[in-house]
């Protein structure tokens, strides 16, 4: 179980660095912030992404960018089973992970009775299980 938690935490770290890069890139069109965003945040985060992906591969033999990684780590777009019942019909339902905002994620959930909830906030990684 500890290994499953560790590989998920590395994947979470990669996704957090990816978010830093996305936000920093949004500042590139501001000439006053571009160099600061690029040099202080974007480039170091890109290096950390490479390092974390290497650690995931070396430690757990998971290539984060491969299609098979979707069955081993929770990434955006993954289909998961909801393990908690925050509301009626939620436990056992299916959710699609939409975006990460550590330590939880936004999901589209299809309840067991067929009702759909878009952009549900939040489900943590221990409240879902990959399908």
C-alpha atoms as a PDB file:
ATOM      1  CA  UNK A   1       0.000   0.000   0.000  1.00  0.00           C
ATOM      2  CA  UNK A   2       2.821   2.428   0.792  1.00  0.00           C
ATOM      3  CA  UNK A   3       4.206   1.990  -2.731  1.00  0.00           C
ATOM      4  CA  UNK A   4       0.808   2.823  -4.242  1.00  0.00           C
ATOM      5  CA  UNK A   5       0.662   5.977  -2.116  1.00  0.00           C
ATOM      6  CA  UNK A   6       4.224   6.929  -3.055  1.00  0.00           C
ATOM      7  CA  UNK A   7       3.722   6.558  -6.808  1.00  0.00           C
ATOM      8  CA  UNK A   8       0.509   8.573  -6.573  1.00  0.00           C
ATOM      9  CA  UNK A   9       2.294  11.293  -4.616  1.00  0.00           C
ATOM     10  CA  UNK A  10       4.996  11.521  -7.284  1.00  0.00           C
ATOM     11  CA  UNK A  11       2.269  11.799  -9.941  1.00  0.00           C
ATOM     12  CA  UNK A  12       0.604  14.523  -7.865  1.00  0.00           C
ATOM     13  CA  UNK A  13       3.927  16.358  -7.681  1.00  0.00           C
ATOM     14  CA  UNK A  14       4.324  16.182 -11.463  1.00  0.00           C
ATOM     15  CA  UNK A  15       0.822  17.580 -11.923  1.00  0.00           C
ATOM     16  CA  UNK A  16       1.517  20.384  -9.439  1.00  0.00           C
ATOM     17  CA  UNK A  17       4.660  21.391 -11.362  1.00  0.00           C
ATOM     18  CA  UNK A  18       2.685  21.212 -14.621  1.00  0.00           C
ATOM     19  CA  UNK A  19       0.174  23.635 -13.105  1.00  0.00           C
ATOM     20  CA  UNK A  20       3.012  26.010 -12.140  1.00  0.00           C
ATOM     21  CA  UNK A  21       4.255  25.950 -15.744  1.00  0.00           C
ATOM     22  CA  UNK A  22       0.734  26.628 -17.103  1.00  0.00           C
ATOM     23  CA  UNK A  23       0.215  29.597 -14.770  1.00  0.00           C
ATOM     24  CA  UNK A  24       3.691  31.023 -15.426  1.00  0.00           C
ATOM     25  CA  UNK A  25       3.118  30.791 -19.185  1.00  0.00           C
ATOM     26  CA  UNK A  26      -0.010  32.898 -18.808  1.00  0.00           C
ATOM     27  CA  UNK A  27       2.255  35.716 -17.595  1.00  0.00           C
ATOM     28  CA  UNK A  28       4.532  35.588 -20.653  1.00  0.00           C
ATOM     29  CA  UNK A  29       2.472  38.202 -22.495  1.00  0.00           C
ATOM     30  CA  UNK A  30       3.174  40.748 -19.739  1.00  0.00           C
ATOM     31  CA  UNK A  31       6.577  42.237 -20.582  1.00  0.00           C
ATOM     32  CA  UNK A  32       7.151  43.268 -16.961  1.00  0.00           C
ATOM     33  CA  UNK A  33       6.570  39.712 -15.704  1.00  0.00           C
ATOM     34  CA  UNK A  34       7.776  37.534 -18.557  1.00  0.00           C
ATOM     35  CA  UNK A  35      11.416  37.109 -17.500  1.00  0.00           C
ATOM     36  CA  UNK A  36      10.456  36.646 -13.857  1.00  0.00           C
ATOM     37  CA  UNK A  37       7.766  34.081 -14.696  1.00  0.00           C
ATOM     38  CA  UNK A  38      10.028  32.242 -17.105  1.00  0.00           C
ATOM     39  CA  UNK A  39      13.269  32.164 -15.129  1.00  0.00           C
ATOM     40  CA  UNK A  40      11.934  32.011 -11.586  1.00  0.00           C
ATOM     41  CA  UNK A  41       9.006  29.646 -12.059  1.00  0.00           C
ATOM     42  CA  UNK A  42       8.525  28.048 -15.467  1.00  0.00           C
ATOM     43  CA  UNK A  43      12.024  26.760 -16.225  1.00  0.00           C
ATOM     44  CA  UNK A  44      12.695  25.393 -12.701  1.00  0.00           C
ATOM     45  CA  UNK A  45       9.270  23.720 -12.676  1.00  0.00           C
ATOM     46  CA  UNK A  46       9.971  22.134 -16.075  1.00  0.00           C
ATOM     47  CA  UNK A  47      13.243  20.733 -14.700  1.00  0.00           C
ATOM     48  CA  UNK A  48      11.395  19.377 -11.660  1.00  0.00           C
ATOM     49  CA  UNK A  49       8.814  17.713 -13.946  1.00  0.00           C
ATOM     50  CA  UNK A  50      11.611  15.914 -15.783  1.00  0.00           C
ATOM     51  CA  UNK A  51      13.221  14.873 -12.485  1.00  0.00           C
ATOM     52  CA  UNK A  52       9.935  13.627 -10.959  1.00  0.00           C
ATOM     53  CA  UNK A  53       9.040  11.679 -14.119  1.00  0.00           C
ATOM     54  CA  UNK A  54      12.485  10.051 -14.006  1.00  0.00           C
ATOM     55  CA  UNK A  55      11.997   9.156 -10.332  1.00  0.00           C
ATOM     56  CA  UNK A  56       8.586   7.617 -11.091  1.00  0.00           C
ATOM     57  CA  UNK A  57      10.111   5.570 -13.902  1.00  0.00           C
ATOM     58  CA  UNK A  58      13.231   4.516 -11.981  1.00  0.00           C
ATOM     59  CA  UNK A  59      11.385   3.640  -8.777  1.00  0.00           C
ATOM     60  CA  UNK A  60       8.116   2.170 -10.065  1.00  0.00           C
ATOM     61  CA  UNK A  61       8.809   1.458 -13.777  1.00  0.00           C
ATOM     62  CA  UNK A  62       5.975   3.838 -14.728  1.00  0.00           C
ATOM     63  CA  UNK A  63       6.391   6.031 -17.784  1.00  0.00           C
ATOM     64  CA  UNK A  64       4.148   8.940 -16.788  1.00  0.00           C
ATOM     65  CA  UNK A  65       3.537   9.958 -20.404  1.00  0.00           C
ATOM     66  CA  UNK A  66       2.626   6.465 -21.649  1.00  0.00           C
ATOM     67  CA  UNK A  67      -1.006   5.426 -22.104  1.00  0.00           C
ATOM     68  CA  UNK A  68      -0.453   2.564 -19.656  1.00  0.00           C
ATOM     69  CA  UNK A  69       0.295   5.064 -16.875  1.00  0.00           C
ATOM     70  CA  UNK A  70      -3.418   5.893 -16.742  1.00  0.00           C
ATOM     71  CA  UNK A  71      -4.016   2.553 -15.006  1.00  0.00           C
ATOM     72  CA  UNK A  72      -1.263   3.134 -12.453  1.00  0.00           C
ATOM     73  CA  UNK A  73      -1.618   6.784 -11.413  1.00  0.00           C
ATOM     74  CA  UNK A  74      -4.592   9.127 -11.291  1.00  0.00           C
ATOM     75  CA  UNK A  75      -4.206  11.671 -14.069  1.00  0.00           C
ATOM     76  CA  UNK A  76      -6.579  14.167 -15.623  1.00  0.00           C
ATOM     77  CA  UNK A  77      -9.106  12.323 -17.780  1.00  0.00           C
ATOM     78  CA  UNK A  78      -8.943   9.131 -15.701  1.00  0.00           C
ATOM     79  CA  UNK A  79     -12.144   7.237 -14.944  1.00  0.00           C
ATOM     80  CA  UNK A  80     -12.497   6.397 -11.260  1.00  0.00           C
ATOM     81  CA  UNK A  81     -14.934   4.747  -8.887  1.00  0.00           C
ATOM     82  CA  UNK A  82     -16.058   6.996  -6.017  1.00  0.00           C
ATOM     83  CA  UNK A  83     -15.464   5.287  -2.655  1.00  0.00           C
ATOM     84  CA  UNK A  84     -17.219   7.831  -0.433  1.00  0.00           C
ATOM     85  CA  UNK A  85     -20.816   8.896   0.014  1.00  0.00           C
ATOM     86  CA  UNK A  86     -20.748  12.649   0.507  1.00  0.00           C
ATOM     87  CA  UNK A  87     -24.332  12.570  -0.790  1.00  0.00           C
ATOM     88  CA  UNK A  88     -26.941   9.955  -1.681  1.00  0.00           C
ATOM     89  CA  UNK A  89     -25.967   7.749  -4.628  1.00  0.00           C
ATOM     90  CA  UNK A  90     -22.377   8.943  -4.726  1.00  0.00           C
ATOM     91  CA  UNK A  91     -20.610   5.886  -3.296  1.00  0.00           C
ATOM     92  CA  UNK A  92     -19.897   3.422  -6.110  1.00  0.00           C
ATOM     93  CA  UNK A  93     -20.552   5.991  -8.825  1.00  0.00           C
ATOM     94  CA  UNK A  94     -18.195   6.803 -11.694  1.00  0.00           C
ATOM     95  CA  UNK A  95     -16.229  10.030 -11.948  1.00  0.00           C
ATOM     96  CA  UNK A  96     -13.910  11.468 -14.588  1.00  0.00           C
ATOM     97  CA  UNK A  97     -11.011  13.448 -13.148  1.00  0.00           C
ATOM     98  CA  UNK A  98     -11.048  16.881 -14.798  1.00  0.00           C
ATOM     99  CA  UNK A  99      -8.324  18.842 -13.097  1.00  0.00           C
ATOM    100  CA  UNK A 100      -5.961  18.696 -10.207  1.00  0.00           C
ATOM    101  CA  UNK A 101      -5.774  21.223  -7.459  1.00  0.00           C
ATOM    102  CA  UNK A 102      -3.739  19.401  -4.894  1.00  0.00           C
ATOM    103  CA  UNK A 103      -4.491  17.652  -2.652  1.00  0.00           C
ATOM    104  CA  UNK A 104      -7.820  17.061  -4.368  1.00  0.00           C
ATOM    105  CA  UNK A 105      -9.346  17.158  -7.802  1.00  0.00           C
ATOM    106  CA  UNK A 106     -12.384  18.421  -9.676  1.00  0.00           C
ATOM    107  CA  UNK A 107     -14.488  15.659 -11.199  1.00  0.00           C
ATOM    108  CA  UNK A 108     -17.539  15.074 -13.358  1.00  0.00           C
ATOM    109  CA  UNK A 109     -19.548  12.423 -11.502  1.00  0.00           C
ATOM    110  CA  UNK A 110     -22.292  10.177 -12.808  1.00  0.00           C
ATOM    111  CA  UNK A 111     -24.252   9.009  -9.782  1.00  0.00           C
ATOM    112  CA  UNK A 112     -25.527   5.456  -9.516  1.00  0.00           C
ATOM    113  CA  UNK A 113     -29.051   6.683 -10.313  1.00  0.00           C
ATOM    114  CA  UNK A 114     -27.804   8.351 -13.525  1.00  0.00           C
ATOM    115  CA  UNK A 115     -27.771  11.925 -12.219  1.00  0.00           C
ATOM    116  CA  UNK A 116     -24.725  13.867 -13.435  1.00  0.00           C
ATOM    117  CA  UNK A 117     -22.743  16.445 -11.487  1.00  0.00           C
ATOM    118  CA  UNK A 118     -20.214  18.470 -13.436  1.00  0.00           C
ATOM    119  CA  UNK A 119     -17.227  20.152 -11.793  1.00  0.00           C
ATOM    120  CA  UNK A 120     -17.764  18.541  -8.395  1.00  0.00           C
ATOM    121  CA  UNK A 121     -15.308  19.905  -5.837  1.00  0.00           C
ATOM    122  CA  UNK A 122     -13.473  18.031  -4.299  1.00  0.00           C
ATOM    123  CA  UNK A 123     -12.545  14.370  -4.237  1.00  0.00           C
ATOM    124  CA  UNK A 124      -9.193  13.408  -2.779  1.00  0.00           C
ATOM    125  CA  UNK A 125      -7.141  10.555  -4.207  1.00  0.00           C
ATOM    126  CA  UNK A 126      -7.999   8.262  -1.291  1.00  0.00           C
ATOM    127  CA  UNK A 127     -11.723   8.812  -1.961  1.00  0.00           C
ATOM    128  CA  UNK A 128     -11.508   7.313  -5.452  1.00  0.00           C
ATOM    129  CA  UNK A 129     -10.163   4.161  -7.106  1.00  0.00           C
ATOM    130  CA  UNK A 130      -8.999   3.828 -10.697  1.00  0.00           C
ATOM    131  CA  UNK A 131     -11.276   1.680 -12.848  1.00  0.00           C
END
